[in-house]
Amino acid sequence: MKDLNGRQRRIMHYLLSNGKQLYTIKELSEMLGSSDKTIRNDMKVIIETSKQLAGVDIRIKRGSGIHVAIDQHIEDDLIEQLNAAYESKDQNMVAINIAVLLLNASNKHLLLKDIAREMYISINEVKVALAIIGDWMEKFSISIVVKKGKGIQLQGREIDFRNASRFIASLQMNRLSNHEILIKEFGAVEYKVVSDQVNQVFNEILTNDEKTQLMTHLLIMIHRIKSGHFISIEIPITEKEMTHVLNELCDQLEQHLSIKINENERRYLTLHLPERHDSNLEPAEEVLRLVENLMDEMKHEAMIDFSTDEQLKLGLMTHMTSTIDRMYLSVNINNPLLTEIKKSYPFIFSSVVNAIRNLESKLKYKIPENEMGYITLHFQAAYERMKSTEHKKVVIVCHLGVGISQMLRVRIEKRFPNFIICDVIKVDETVDYIQKNDIDMIVTTIKLDIDTIPVIQVSPLLTTEDEQSLGKYTSSIDIKSPNQSLLMKYLKTELIHMNTSDLSRYELIELIGSELIEAGYVQKAFVQSVSHREFLSSTAVGYGVSIPHGKTEYVEQSSISLAILKEPIIWGEENVSIVFLTALTEEDKKYYHQIYREINDLIEDEETMLNLKHANSKEEIIRLIKRD
């Protein structure tokens, strides 16, 4: 087996791990994202290699699939050889396979030895994976219960199991694509049926990203219905804009898959359709009160008055209405842009988190991090609208899916802060849009025949050449702040920690916080507020950097502490090796935004960041940050 490449070992692992299931070439090609021809060639290599092994017989039989016959006494040895090189040996990949097994078993008990046998791993590896899974399952209000003599089982509601199944890919650390996991979990046949029907019914209605999200919900629903599990909570949703189209889709799936999708299941699916602008679960005045309270708190946290922005208020009303519906029904949504939002808009994101924290006592539901990310985009757009009138009004025309177009928007806004991105539209909406709106420039991913206003064509990835093209068009871009460095003003040499190791993020916060308390910079409650802020949402901003902070009311004297870690540590979902702990007084908190900008400028200087990690003295660290 050592002569097989990674993909071939993966194929062999699938064939052995599912001895009773016959895979076809087509199914394997879809699972692995390769062509049928590539898989056929791989199978030729696998078959030739297996001929060298006594007791192993692999054959492709037309019409039924790939057959594997193997003597029991050598099967374990072969699996062990594969695992030695196969990438699913990674703990996260093992965890995702066991999580799928547990979710499929629902409330049934499973013995550790049976899981080990099913996964072709040791019982100890199962225990390690269960530790990972247990922390992950808690996010969905699911607990792992161990009963002596019976084994382990999951405990939670049906709606929680479905939420966890939907986000199963978040356990896999980019080892497999979500597409590959869906096919592996639900089967290529059902995947194809659902894909075909969704594309047929919603072809001109939903974007590709929206269709993918809907497909995920449908596959989970179908699997749970076939297993005899149904949504028990009554969902009070009336007719919506696309309900009739969704019912048509459900009717088609009932016919093709011989299942019954009841009314409550259909209502649950309606929650995951876009453009739901009204709510049956919360009166409009309650939503308005929540939005106004949030805008008031943002005035306090971000030192920006958003009260006169009616566009922001309307946008938040629409978004928060759907958010409240989802919170009431325990429906989690994915936010594929969350990491990019935290990196690009750390100040506004942090202000939103703090504002929601301040409203905790008034909220009926806990607002998760993914929702905070979307709320941040509303406030960031409002902030951009407030900027100087010299800023250029730009519309982005993107011929690709919503995910890619929004990512392009984030990158343009980050690189060109004087661009006000008014909207992201489809190609066929362009002419009508520019006739009805006052636009200075179009940025497009596809060639457009428009000569009334400047049109700049860019790659969806926004390359260096694209940035240069946009830069030539506007000479007024102010990418870096010319103001005096506040980072250097508040960074204290005595508060620099070098080569710190063997600490968790909370332990590091306690270490730095104790020093600040002893030196009289902060009160004891400040350290607790920093940890609580981390609990709400990680302050990692990407690039190995985190910017933890606490409540200004507990700060006696403004300061910034810096920790350079000997080895990166887990900080939420990221690895972090440089930590800026900021503590500003109520009077100085207006400078948070500039400090974030200065740290961001520092982060973008790759050479300086690398030198910081290897600095030999505090004096060298100060010199590097000054960039003398």
Foldseek 3Di string as FASTA:
>chain_A
DVPADQLLLVVVLVCLLCQVAFDALVLSCQLAVHDSVVSVVSVVVVQVVCVVPPQWHWDADPPRHIHITGDPVCSLVVLVVSLVPHPCVPLLSLLLVVLLVQLLCAFAFDALVVSCVSNSHDSVSVVSSVVVVQVVLVVLVKHWDQDPPRHIHIDDAPLSSLQCQLVSCVSRPPPGDPSSVLCVSQNPVVLVQLLVLLCVLCVPPAAPVLSVSLSSSVSSQVSCVVVVHDHDDAQPDDDDPCLVSLVVSQVSCCVVVVTDQDPRNSSVSVLSHPDPQAAPPDDLVVLLVVLVLLQVLLCLQQVDRLPVPVVLSSVSSRLVRSQVSCQVVSNDDDAPCLLLLCQQPVRLLLSSLVSVVVCVVVDPGQRASSSSSVNSVSVLLSVLVPDDPPAFEEEEEEQHGPVLQVVLVSVCCSQFVSYRHPYYYYPVCPVVVVVVDPGQEYEYCDDDPDDPHHYQHAHSVCDPVSSVVVCVVDVPGDNADPDDDPQLVFEDLVQEAEADDDDAPLRVLVVSVVVCVVVPFFPPVFSVQQVVSLVRDFQDNDLQEGETEGDQCGGDHWHKHKYAHNFFHDTPPDTHGIYIYTHHHSVPSNCVVVNSRLVSVCSVPVVLVVCCNVPDGSVVNSCSSVVD
